[in-house]
Amino acid sequence: MPEILGKDLKLDSVIMYETTFEEKPYEGFYVVDYSEVNAQNDKNILHYKDFKGFYQKLYIMRLVTEPKDSIVIYFSLKYNAFDQCVGFGPSYIGWADDTRKSFYFFNELYTRDKKNQFALRKSRLPLGLYMNANEWIPGHTINIEKMVVEKSYEIGNNVVIDVARIFRDPAALKFNYLGAEKIE
């Protein structure tokens, strides 16, 4: 069996969730402005103005293993208006806790290029990122409500990100189930 995160685990399947952020024109205080918002958000969006801008797809990939473990990888892909992939990242690896409806990411991953063969490698810097969901329906949706970024254990160095307040959309980080793939 291959070693995954220091454990001997057999990869059984992969479960994917996705959400999309698009650059859209919106009306704000009598001025047309552009912002990246969740593709499902129609609040104040100008539908009468044709526009296609940059967008990014965010993914949550759950690795189903034997013996059972809850490894999860978060990553994003960035695209230009011509649907060309122009960026990868950020990417994190961590654990899922179904009973608490949360993810804990402890390592950031970076891309490494060796002769046009791309791979992910762990960062040497510590990471503490929690994502808590208010909706967690396996095989359907995961809606991230809050994120906590731990910089250290000192008072004032940790940040709570309230998704609904920052994005003005309680479903801004609502991931939809894409499917599962069995690993042979």
N, C-alpha and C. Protein backbone atom coordinates (compact mmCIF):
# COMPACT_ATOMS: atom_id res chain seq x y z
N MET A 1 0.83 -1.18 0.00
CA MET A 1 0.00 0.00 0.00
C MET A 1 0.88 1.25 0.00
N PRO A 2 0.45 2.29 -0.74
CA PRO A 2 1.23 3.53 -0.73
C PRO A 2 1.04 4.28 0.58
N GLU A 3 2.01 5.12 0.90
CA GLU A 3 1.94 5.91 2.11
C GLU A 3 1.32 7.26 1.77
N ILE A 4 0.23 7.60 2.46
CA ILE A 4 -0.44 8.88 2.27
C ILE A 4 -0.46 9.58 3.62
N LEU A 5 0.15 10.75 3.69
CA LEU A 5 0.25 11.52 4.92
C LEU A 5 0.82 10.71 6.07
N GLY A 6 1.82 9.90 5.76
CA GLY A 6 2.51 9.14 6.79
C GLY A 6 1.78 7.88 7.22
N LYS A 7 0.71 7.51 6.51
CA LYS A 7 -0.05 6.31 6.87
C LYS A 7 -0.09 5.38 5.66
N ASP A 8 -0.11 4.06 5.92
CA ASP A 8 -0.28 3.09 4.84
C ASP A 8 -1.77 2.97 4.53
N LEU A 9 -2.19 3.57 3.43
CA LEU A 9 -3.59 3.59 3.04
C LEU A 9 -3.75 3.19 1.59
N LYS A 10 -4.83 2.51 1.29
CA LYS A 10 -5.17 2.17 -0.09
C LYS A 10 -6.26 3.14 -0.54
N LEU A 11 -6.02 3.81 -1.67
CA LEU A 11 -6.99 4.75 -2.21
C LEU A 11 -8.10 3.96 -2.91
N ASP A 12 -9.34 4.13 -2.43
CA ASP A 12 -10.49 3.40 -2.96
C ASP A 12 -11.24 4.21 -4.02
N SER A 13 -11.50 5.49 -3.71
CA SER A 13 -12.23 6.34 -4.65
C SER A 13 -12.00 7.81 -4.33
N VAL A 14 -12.45 8.66 -5.24
CA VAL A 14 -12.32 10.10 -5.11
C VAL A 14 -13.71 10.71 -5.29
N ILE A 15 -14.09 11.60 -4.38
CA ILE A 15 -15.38 12.30 -4.46
C ILE A 15 -15.09 13.78 -4.69
N MET A 16 -15.75 14.37 -5.69
CA MET A 16 -15.47 15.76 -6.06
C MET A 16 -16.69 16.66 -5.84
N TYR A 17 -16.39 17.87 -5.31
CA TYR A 17 -17.37 18.94 -5.18
C TYR A 17 -16.78 20.18 -5.86
N GLU A 18 -17.65 21.03 -6.42
CA GLU A 18 -17.17 22.20 -7.17
C GLU A 18 -18.08 23.39 -6.96
N THR A 19 -17.49 24.58 -6.99
CA THR A 19 -18.23 25.83 -7.09
C THR A 19 -17.45 26.74 -8.02
N THR A 20 -18.12 27.72 -8.60
CA THR A 20 -17.48 28.60 -9.59
C THR A 20 -17.68 30.05 -9.20
N PHE A 21 -16.60 30.82 -9.29
CA PHE A 21 -16.65 32.28 -9.14
C PHE A 21 -16.42 32.89 -10.51
N GLU A 22 -17.27 33.86 -10.89
CA GLU A 22 -17.14 34.53 -12.18
C GLU A 22 -17.02 36.04 -11.97
N GLU A 23 -16.26 36.65 -12.86
CA GLU A 23 -16.20 38.10 -12.89
C GLU A 23 -17.47 38.58 -13.59
N LYS A 24 -18.27 39.38 -12.88
CA LYS A 24 -19.56 39.82 -13.43
C LYS A 24 -19.74 41.32 -13.20
N PRO A 25 -20.46 41.98 -14.12
CA PRO A 25 -20.80 43.39 -13.88
C PRO A 25 -22.00 43.47 -12.93
N TYR A 26 -21.94 44.40 -12.01
CA TYR A 26 -23.06 44.59 -11.10
C TYR A 26 -23.27 46.09 -10.88
N GLU A 27 -24.46 46.42 -10.42
CA GLU A 27 -24.81 47.80 -10.17
C GLU A 27 -24.59 48.10 -8.70
N GLY A 28 -23.77 49.10 -8.44
CA GLY A 28 -23.50 49.50 -7.06
C GLY A 28 -23.47 51.00 -6.95
N PHE A 29 -24.44 51.57 -6.28
CA PHE A 29 -24.55 53.01 -6.08
C PHE A 29 -24.48 53.77 -7.41
N TYR A 30 -25.28 53.34 -8.37
CA TYR A 30 -25.46 53.99 -9.67
C TYR A 30 -24.23 53.92 -10.55
N VAL A 31 -23.32 53.01 -10.25
CA VAL A 31 -22.10 52.84 -11.05
C VAL A 31 -21.98 51.36 -11.38
N VAL A 32 -21.59 51.05 -12.63
CA VAL A 32 -21.34 49.66 -13.01
C VAL A 32 -19.92 49.31 -12.55
N ASP A 33 -19.81 48.24 -11.81
CA ASP A 33 -18.53 47.77 -11.31
C ASP A 33 -18.42 46.28 -11.64
N TYR A 34 -17.23 45.73 -11.48
CA TYR A 34 -17.00 44.32 -11.78
C TYR A 34 -16.41 43.65 -10.56
N SER A 35 -16.88 42.44 -10.30
CA SER A 35 -16.40 41.71 -9.14
C SER A 35 -16.52 40.23 -9.40
N GLU A 36 -15.69 39.43 -8.70
CA GLU A 36 -15.82 37.98 -8.77
C GLU A 36 -16.83 37.56 -7.72
N VAL A 37 -17.90 36.93 -8.18
CA VAL A 37 -18.96 36.46 -7.29
C VAL A 37 -19.28 35.01 -7.66
N ASN A 38 -19.96 34.33 -6.76
CA ASN A 38 -20.38 32.97 -7.06
C ASN A 38 -21.26 32.99 -8.30
N ALA A 39 -21.03 32.06 -9.21
CA ALA A 39 -21.75 32.03 -10.49
C ALA A 39 -23.25 31.91 -10.30
N GLN A 40 -23.69 31.38 -9.17
CA GLN A 40 -25.13 31.22 -8.91
C GLN A 40 -25.75 32.48 -8.32
N ASN A 41 -24.94 33.47 -7.98
CA ASN A 41 -25.43 34.71 -7.37
C ASN A 41 -25.92 35.66 -8.45
N ASP A 42 -27.18 36.06 -8.35
CA ASP A 42 -27.75 37.01 -9.31
C ASP A 42 -28.04 38.37 -8.68
N LYS A 43 -27.67 38.56 -7.42
CA LYS A 43 -27.99 39.79 -6.71
C LYS A 43 -27.23 40.98 -7.31
N ASN A 44 -27.97 41.97 -7.81
CA ASN A 44 -27.44 43.21 -8.41
C ASN A 44 -26.61 42.98 -9.67
N ILE A 45 -26.69 41.80 -10.28
CA ILE A 45 -25.94 41.51 -11.51
C ILE A 45 -26.68 42.11 -12.70
N LEU A 46 -25.93 42.72 -13.61
CA LEU A 46 -26.53 43.34 -14.81
C LEU A 46 -26.68 42.27 -15.89
N HIS A 47 -27.89 41.78 -16.06
CA HIS A 47 -28.13 40.73 -17.04
C HIS A 47 -28.28 41.28 -18.45
N TYR A 48 -28.56 42.57 -18.59
CA TYR A 48 -28.74 43.17 -19.90
C TYR A 48 -27.41 43.54 -20.56
N LYS A 49 -26.32 43.38 -19.87
CA LYS A 49 -25.00 43.71 -20.42
C LYS A 49 -24.21 42.42 -20.63
N ASP A 50 -23.97 42.07 -21.90
CA ASP A 50 -23.18 40.87 -22.21
C ASP A 50 -21.76 41.05 -21.72
N PHE A 51 -21.30 40.08 -20.98
CA PHE A 51 -19.94 40.15 -20.46
C PHE A 51 -19.46 38.76 -20.09
N LYS A 52 -18.24 38.46 -20.49
CA LYS A 52 -17.59 37.24 -20.04
C LYS A 52 -16.18 37.62 -19.62
N GLY A 53 -15.88 37.40 -18.36
CA GLY A 53 -14.57 37.76 -17.83
C GLY A 53 -13.84 36.55 -17.30
N PHE A 54 -12.88 36.82 -16.45
CA PHE A 54 -12.14 35.74 -15.80
C PHE A 54 -13.07 34.99 -14.85
N TYR A 55 -12.73 33.74 -14.59
CA TYR A 55 -13.49 32.96 -13.62
C TYR A 55 -12.56 31.92 -13.00
N GLN A 56 -12.99 31.38 -11.87
CA GLN A 56 -12.22 30.33 -11.24
C GLN A 56 -13.15 29.26 -10.68
N LYS A 57 -12.67 28.05 -10.75
CA LYS A 57 -13.40 26.90 -10.23
C LYS A 57 -12.68 26.43 -8.97
N LEU A 58 -13.45 26.28 -7.90
CA LEU A 58 -12.92 25.83 -6.62
C LEU A 58 -13.39 24.39 -6.41
N TYR A 59 -12.50 23.55 -5.93
CA TYR A 59 -12.81 22.13 -5.76
C TYR A 59 -12.50 21.65 -4.36
N ILE A 60 -13.33 20.73 -3.89
CA ILE A 60 -13.05 19.95 -2.69
C ILE A 60 -13.01 18.50 -3.16
N MET A 61 -11.87 17.85 -2.95
CA MET A 61 -11.68 16.47 -3.39
C MET A 61 -11.47 15.61 -2.14
N ARG A 62 -12.41 14.70 -1.90
CA ARG A 62 -12.30 13.79 -0.76
C ARG A 62 -11.71 12.47 -1.23
N LEU A 63 -10.70 12.02 -0.54
CA LEU A 63 -10.06 10.74 -0.87
C LEU A 63 -10.63 9.67 0.07
N VAL A 64 -11.30 8.70 -0.51
CA VAL A 64 -11.85 7.59 0.28
C VAL A 64 -10.79 6.51 0.32
N THR A 65 -10.39 6.11 1.52
CA THR A 65 -9.26 5.18 1.68
C THR A 65 -9.67 3.96 2.49
N GLU A 66 -8.84 2.93 2.39
CA GLU A 66 -8.95 1.73 3.22
C GLU A 66 -7.61 1.56 3.94
N PRO A 67 -7.54 1.45 5.25
CA PRO A 67 -8.65 1.62 6.17
C PRO A 67 -9.22 3.03 6.08
N LYS A 68 -10.47 3.16 6.51
CA LYS A 68 -11.21 4.41 6.33
C LYS A 68 -10.49 5.59 6.98
N ASP A 69 -10.31 6.63 6.20
CA ASP A 69 -9.73 7.87 6.66
C ASP A 69 -10.46 9.00 5.95
N SER A 70 -10.24 10.23 6.34
CA SER A 70 -10.97 11.36 5.78
C SER A 70 -10.04 12.42 5.22
N ILE A 71 -9.25 12.05 4.24
CA ILE A 71 -8.30 12.99 3.63
C ILE A 71 -9.06 13.85 2.63
N VAL A 72 -8.75 15.15 2.63
CA VAL A 72 -9.42 16.08 1.73
C VAL A 72 -8.39 17.04 1.15
N ILE A 73 -8.57 17.38 -0.13
CA ILE A 73 -7.71 18.35 -0.81
C ILE A 73 -8.60 19.44 -1.38
N TYR A 74 -8.25 20.69 -1.11
CA TYR A 74 -8.93 21.85 -1.68
C TYR A 74 -7.99 22.45 -2.71
N PHE A 75 -8.52 22.84 -3.88
CA PHE A 75 -7.70 23.54 -4.87
C PHE A 75 -8.58 24.38 -5.79
N SER A 76 -7.95 25.32 -6.50
CA SER A 76 -8.69 26.16 -7.44
C SER A 76 -7.94 26.24 -8.77
N LEU A 77 -8.72 26.40 -9.83
CA LEU A 77 -8.19 26.60 -11.18
C LEU A 77 -8.72 27.93 -11.69
N LYS A 78 -7.85 28.76 -12.26
CA LYS A 78 -8.25 30.07 -12.77
C LYS A 78 -8.24 30.06 -14.30
N TYR A 79 -9.27 30.70 -14.90
CA TYR A 79 -9.44 30.73 -16.36
C TYR A 79 -9.62 32.16 -16.83
N ASN A 80 -9.18 32.43 -18.07
CA ASN A 80 -9.43 33.74 -18.66
C ASN A 80 -10.75 33.71 -19.42
N ALA A 81 -11.10 34.82 -20.06
CA ALA A 81 -12.37 34.93 -20.79
C ALA A 81 -12.44 34.00 -22.00
N PHE A 82 -11.31 33.45 -22.42
CA PHE A 82 -11.27 32.53 -23.56
C PHE A 82 -11.23 31.07 -23.12
N ASP A 83 -11.55 30.83 -21.86
CA ASP A 83 -11.60 29.49 -21.26
C ASP A 83 -10.26 28.78 -21.23
N GLN A 84 -9.18 29.56 -21.20
CA GLN A 84 -7.83 28.99 -21.09
C GLN A 84 -7.43 29.00 -19.61
N CYS A 85 -6.94 27.89 -19.12
CA CYS A 85 -6.49 27.82 -17.73
C CYS A 85 -5.22 28.65 -17.59
N VAL A 86 -5.26 29.63 -16.68
CA VAL A 86 -4.12 30.54 -16.51
C VAL A 86 -3.52 30.47 -15.11
N GLY A 87 -4.08 29.61 -14.24
CA GLY A 87 -3.51 29.54 -12.91
C GLY A 87 -4.03 28.37 -12.11
N PHE A 88 -3.22 27.96 -11.16
CA PHE A 88 -3.58 26.90 -10.22
C PHE A 88 -3.26 27.38 -8.82
N GLY A 89 -4.18 27.15 -7.91
CA GLY A 89 -3.92 27.43 -6.52
C GLY A 89 -4.77 28.56 -6.00
N PRO A 90 -4.86 28.64 -4.71
CA PRO A 90 -4.13 27.86 -3.72
C PRO A 90 -4.65 26.43 -3.62
N SER A 91 -3.87 25.60 -2.96
CA SER A 91 -4.22 24.20 -2.75
C SER A 91 -3.80 23.80 -1.34
N TYR A 92 -4.69 23.07 -0.66
CA TYR A 92 -4.44 22.66 0.72
C TYR A 92 -4.78 21.19 0.89
N ILE A 93 -4.13 20.53 1.83
CA ILE A 93 -4.45 19.15 2.17
C ILE A 93 -4.77 19.09 3.66
N GLY A 94 -5.75 18.24 4.01
CA GLY A 94 -6.13 18.13 5.41
C GLY A 94 -7.09 16.99 5.65
N TRP A 95 -7.91 17.17 6.71
CA TRP A 95 -8.84 16.14 7.15
C TRP A 95 -10.27 16.68 7.12
N ALA A 96 -11.23 15.80 6.89
CA ALA A 96 -12.64 16.13 6.98
C ALA A 96 -13.21 15.50 8.25
N ASP A 97 -14.10 16.22 8.91
CA ASP A 97 -14.79 15.71 10.09
C ASP A 97 -16.29 15.81 9.82
N ASP A 98 -16.89 14.69 9.43
CA ASP A 98 -18.31 14.68 9.06
C ASP A 98 -19.22 15.04 10.23
N THR A 99 -18.88 14.62 11.44
CA THR A 99 -19.75 14.90 12.59
C THR A 99 -19.77 16.38 12.94
N ARG A 100 -18.65 17.08 12.74
CA ARG A 100 -18.59 18.51 13.02
C ARG A 100 -18.87 19.37 11.79
N LYS A 101 -19.05 18.74 10.66
CA LYS A 101 -19.27 19.45 9.38
C LYS A 101 -18.14 20.44 9.13
N SER A 102 -16.90 19.94 9.18
CA SER A 102 -15.77 20.85 9.02
C SER A 102 -14.59 20.17 8.34
N PHE A 103 -13.74 21.02 7.79
CA PHE A 103 -12.46 20.60 7.22
C PHE A 103 -11.36 21.28 8.02
N TYR A 104 -10.26 20.59 8.18
CA TYR A 104 -9.07 21.20 8.79
C TYR A 104 -7.91 20.96 7.83
N PHE A 105 -7.36 22.05 7.30
CA PHE A 105 -6.24 21.96 6.37
C PHE A 105 -4.97 22.37 7.11
N PHE A 106 -3.96 21.49 7.06
CA PHE A 106 -2.73 21.72 7.83
C PHE A 106 -1.51 21.93 6.96
N ASN A 107 -1.63 21.74 5.63
CA ASN A 107 -0.50 21.98 4.73
C ASN A 107 -0.97 22.63 3.44
N GLU A 108 -0.23 23.64 3.00
CA GLU A 108 -0.46 24.21 1.68
C GLU A 108 0.36 23.41 0.68
N LEU A 109 -0.19 23.23 -0.51
CA LEU A 109 0.50 22.50 -1.57
C LEU A 109 0.87 23.46 -2.70
N TYR A 110 2.03 23.26 -3.27
CA TYR A 110 2.50 24.07 -4.39
C TYR A 110 2.74 23.17 -5.60
N THR A 111 2.64 23.76 -6.80
CA THR A 111 2.94 22.98 -8.00
C THR A 111 4.44 22.93 -8.22
N ARG A 112 4.89 21.82 -8.75
CA ARG A 112 6.29 21.62 -9.08
C ARG A 112 6.33 21.11 -10.52
N ASP A 113 7.17 21.72 -11.33
CA ASP A 113 7.26 21.37 -12.74
C ASP A 113 8.62 20.74 -13.02
N LYS A 114 8.59 19.50 -13.48
CA LYS A 114 9.81 18.82 -13.91
C LYS A 114 9.58 18.31 -15.33
N LYS A 115 10.17 19.02 -16.30
CA LYS A 115 10.05 18.64 -17.71
C LYS A 115 8.58 18.49 -18.12
N ASN A 116 7.78 19.51 -17.81
CA ASN A 116 6.35 19.54 -18.13
C ASN A 116 5.54 18.46 -17.44
N GLN A 117 6.06 17.86 -16.40
CA GLN A 117 5.32 16.93 -15.55
C GLN A 117 5.02 17.69 -14.25
N PHE A 118 3.77 17.96 -14.02
CA PHE A 118 3.40 18.75 -12.85
C PHE A 118 3.03 17.85 -11.68
N ALA A 119 3.45 18.24 -10.50
CA ALA A 119 3.14 17.50 -9.27
C ALA A 119 2.92 18.51 -8.15
N LEU A 120 2.34 18.05 -7.06
CA LEU A 120 2.13 18.89 -5.89
C LEU A 120 3.16 18.55 -4.82
N ARG A 121 3.64 19.59 -4.14
CA ARG A 121 4.57 19.36 -3.03
C ARG A 121 4.08 20.18 -1.84
N LYS A 122 4.42 19.71 -0.65
CA LYS A 122 4.00 20.40 0.57
C LYS A 122 4.88 21.61 0.84
N SER A 123 4.26 22.64 1.36
CA SER A 123 4.98 23.83 1.79
C SER A 123 5.68 23.52 3.12
N ARG A 124 6.75 24.21 3.38
CA ARG A 124 7.45 24.04 4.65
C ARG A 124 6.83 24.90 5.75
N LEU A 125 6.00 25.86 5.34
CA LEU A 125 5.37 26.75 6.32
C LEU A 125 4.13 26.09 6.92
N PRO A 126 3.91 26.23 8.22
CA PRO A 126 2.73 25.62 8.84
C PRO A 126 1.46 26.34 8.40
N LEU A 127 0.38 25.61 8.39
CA LEU A 127 -0.91 26.17 8.02
C LEU A 127 -1.95 25.64 8.99
N GLY A 128 -2.87 26.47 9.37
CA GLY A 128 -4.03 26.06 10.16
C GLY A 128 -5.24 26.75 9.58
N LEU A 129 -6.02 26.04 8.78
CA LEU A 129 -7.21 26.61 8.15
C LEU A 129 -8.39 25.68 8.39
N TYR A 130 -9.40 26.21 9.06
CA TYR A 130 -10.63 25.47 9.29
C TYR A 130 -11.71 26.02 8.37
N MET A 131 -12.51 25.14 7.80
CA MET A 131 -13.69 25.52 7.04
C MET A 131 -14.88 24.82 7.69
N ASN A 132 -15.82 25.60 8.19
CA ASN A 132 -17.00 25.05 8.85
C ASN A 132 -18.22 25.24 7.96
N ALA A 133 -19.02 24.19 7.83
CA ALA A 133 -20.19 24.22 6.96
C ALA A 133 -21.48 24.30 7.78
N ASN A 134 -22.45 25.01 7.25
CA ASN A 134 -23.78 25.00 7.86
C ASN A 134 -24.69 24.06 7.09
N GLU A 135 -24.24 23.59 5.95
CA GLU A 135 -24.97 22.60 5.15
C GLU A 135 -23.95 21.57 4.67
N TRP A 136 -24.17 20.30 5.00
CA TRP A 136 -23.23 19.23 4.69
C TRP A 136 -24.05 18.02 4.31
N ILE A 137 -24.37 17.90 3.04
CA ILE A 137 -25.20 16.80 2.55
C ILE A 137 -24.34 15.98 1.59
N PRO A 138 -23.76 14.87 2.09
CA PRO A 138 -22.89 14.05 1.22
C PRO A 138 -23.61 13.64 -0.07
N GLY A 139 -22.90 13.77 -1.17
CA GLY A 139 -23.48 13.45 -2.47
C GLY A 139 -24.39 14.53 -3.01
N HIS A 140 -24.41 15.71 -2.37
CA HIS A 140 -25.26 16.79 -2.84
C HIS A 140 -24.54 18.15 -2.75
N THR A 141 -24.46 18.73 -1.54
CA THR A 141 -23.82 20.04 -1.39
C THR A 141 -23.06 20.14 -0.07
N ILE A 142 -22.08 21.05 -0.08
CA ILE A 142 -21.37 21.47 1.13
C ILE A 142 -21.32 22.99 1.06
N ASN A 143 -21.91 23.66 2.03
CA ASN A 143 -21.92 25.13 2.05
C ASN A 143 -21.04 25.62 3.19
N ILE A 144 -19.91 26.23 2.85
CA ILE A 144 -18.97 26.74 3.85
C ILE A 144 -19.51 28.05 4.42
N GLU A 145 -19.68 28.06 5.72
CA GLU A 145 -20.25 29.21 6.42
C GLU A 145 -19.16 30.13 6.98
N LYS A 146 -18.14 29.52 7.58
CA LYS A 146 -17.06 30.29 8.21
C LYS A 146 -15.73 29.60 7.98
N MET A 147 -14.69 30.41 7.95
CA MET A 147 -13.32 29.90 7.88
C MET A 147 -12.53 30.54 9.03
N VAL A 148 -11.63 29.77 9.59
CA VAL A 148 -10.75 30.29 10.64
C VAL A 148 -9.32 30.03 10.19
N VAL A 149 -8.54 31.10 10.14
CA VAL A 149 -7.14 31.01 9.75
C VAL A 149 -6.31 31.20 11.01
N GLU A 150 -5.54 30.16 11.35
CA GLU A 150 -4.68 30.23 12.53
C GLU A 150 -3.27 30.61 12.09
N LYS A 151 -2.80 31.72 12.59
CA LYS A 151 -1.42 32.14 12.31
C LYS A 151 -0.50 31.67 13.42
N SER A 152 -1.01 31.67 14.63
CA SER A 152 -0.24 31.19 15.78
C SER A 152 -1.22 31.01 16.93
N TYR A 153 -0.72 30.59 18.05
CA TYR A 153 -1.58 30.41 19.21
C TYR A 153 -1.61 31.65 20.10
N GLU A 154 -1.11 32.77 19.57
CA GLU A 154 -1.13 34.01 20.33
C GLU A 154 -2.47 34.70 20.12
N ILE A 155 -2.92 35.44 21.10
CA ILE A 155 -4.18 36.17 21.01
C ILE A 155 -4.08 37.22 19.91
N GLY A 156 -5.09 37.29 19.06
CA GLY A 156 -5.15 38.31 18.00
C GLY A 156 -4.53 37.90 16.69
N ASN A 157 -3.90 36.74 16.62
CA ASN A 157 -3.27 36.33 15.38
C ASN A 157 -4.13 35.39 14.55
N ASN A 158 -5.31 35.07 15.02
CA ASN A 158 -6.21 34.19 14.29
C ASN A 158 -7.36 35.01 13.73
N VAL A 159 -7.80 34.65 12.52
CA VAL A 159 -8.81 35.42 11.81
C VAL A 159 -10.02 34.54 11.54
N VAL A 160 -11.21 35.06 11.82
CA VAL A 160 -12.45 34.38 11.48
C VAL A 160 -13.04 35.07 10.26
N ILE A 161 -13.32 34.30 9.23
CA ILE A 161 -13.90 34.83 7.99
C ILE A 161 -15.35 34.36 7.93
N ASP A 162 -16.27 35.31 8.06
CA ASP A 162 -17.70 35.02 7.97
C ASP A 162 -18.10 35.19 6.50
N VAL A 163 -18.34 34.08 5.81
CA VAL A 163 -18.58 34.09 4.37
C VAL A 163 -19.77 34.97 3.99
N ALA A 164 -20.87 34.87 4.72
CA ALA A 164 -22.06 35.66 4.38
C ALA A 164 -21.81 37.16 4.48
N ARG A 165 -21.05 37.58 5.48
CA ARG A 165 -20.76 39.01 5.63
C ARG A 165 -19.77 39.52 4.59
N ILE A 166 -18.73 38.77 4.34
CA ILE A 166 -17.70 39.25 3.42
C ILE A 166 -18.19 39.25 1.97
N PHE A 167 -18.86 38.18 1.57
CA PHE A 167 -19.33 38.08 0.19
C PHE A 167 -20.74 38.62 0.00
N ARG A 168 -21.40 38.98 1.10
CA ARG A 168 -22.80 39.42 1.07
C ARG A 168 -23.69 38.37 0.39
N ASP A 169 -23.34 37.11 0.62
CA ASP A 169 -24.05 35.99 0.02
C ASP A 169 -23.81 34.77 0.90
N PRO A 170 -24.84 34.26 1.59
CA PRO A 170 -24.63 33.11 2.47
C PRO A 170 -24.27 31.82 1.73
N ALA A 171 -24.49 31.79 0.42
CA ALA A 171 -24.15 30.60 -0.37
C ALA A 171 -22.95 30.85 -1.29
N ALA A 172 -22.11 31.81 -0.94
CA ALA A 172 -20.96 32.16 -1.80
C ALA A 172 -20.00 30.99 -1.96
N LEU A 173 -19.85 30.17 -0.92
CA LEU A 173 -18.95 29.02 -0.99
C LEU A 173 -19.74 27.72 -0.90
N LYS A 174 -20.80 27.64 -1.70
CA LYS A 174 -21.63 26.43 -1.74
C LYS A 174 -21.09 25.53 -2.85
N PHE A 175 -20.54 24.39 -2.44
CA PHE A 175 -19.96 23.43 -3.37
C PHE A 175 -21.01 22.39 -3.74
N ASN A 176 -21.13 22.10 -5.03
CA ASN A 176 -22.07 21.10 -5.52
C ASN A 176 -21.33 19.81 -5.86
N TYR A 177 -21.98 18.71 -5.61
CA TYR A 177 -21.43 17.39 -5.87
C TYR A 177 -21.24 17.19 -7.37
N LEU A 178 -20.02 16.80 -7.77
CA LEU A 178 -19.73 16.52 -9.18
C LEU A 178 -19.82 15.03 -9.48
N GLY A 179 -19.40 14.21 -8.54
CA GLY A 179 -19.43 12.77 -8.74
C GLY A 179 -18.32 12.08 -7.98
N ALA A 180 -18.32 10.75 -8.11
CA ALA A 180 -17.31 9.93 -7.45
C ALA A 180 -16.69 9.02 -8.50
N GLU A 181 -15.42 8.73 -8.33
CA GLU A 181 -14.68 7.87 -9.26
C GLU A 181 -13.98 6.79 -8.48
N LYS A 182 -14.28 5.56 -8.80
CA LYS A 182 -13.63 4.41 -8.17
C LYS A 182 -12.22 4.27 -8.72
N ILE A 183 -11.25 4.01 -7.86
CA ILE A 183 -9.85 3.82 -8.26
C ILE A 183 -9.61 2.32 -8.35
N GLU A 184 -9.24 1.89 -9.50
CA GLU A 184 -8.98 0.44 -9.70
C GLU A 184 -7.54 0.11 -9.43
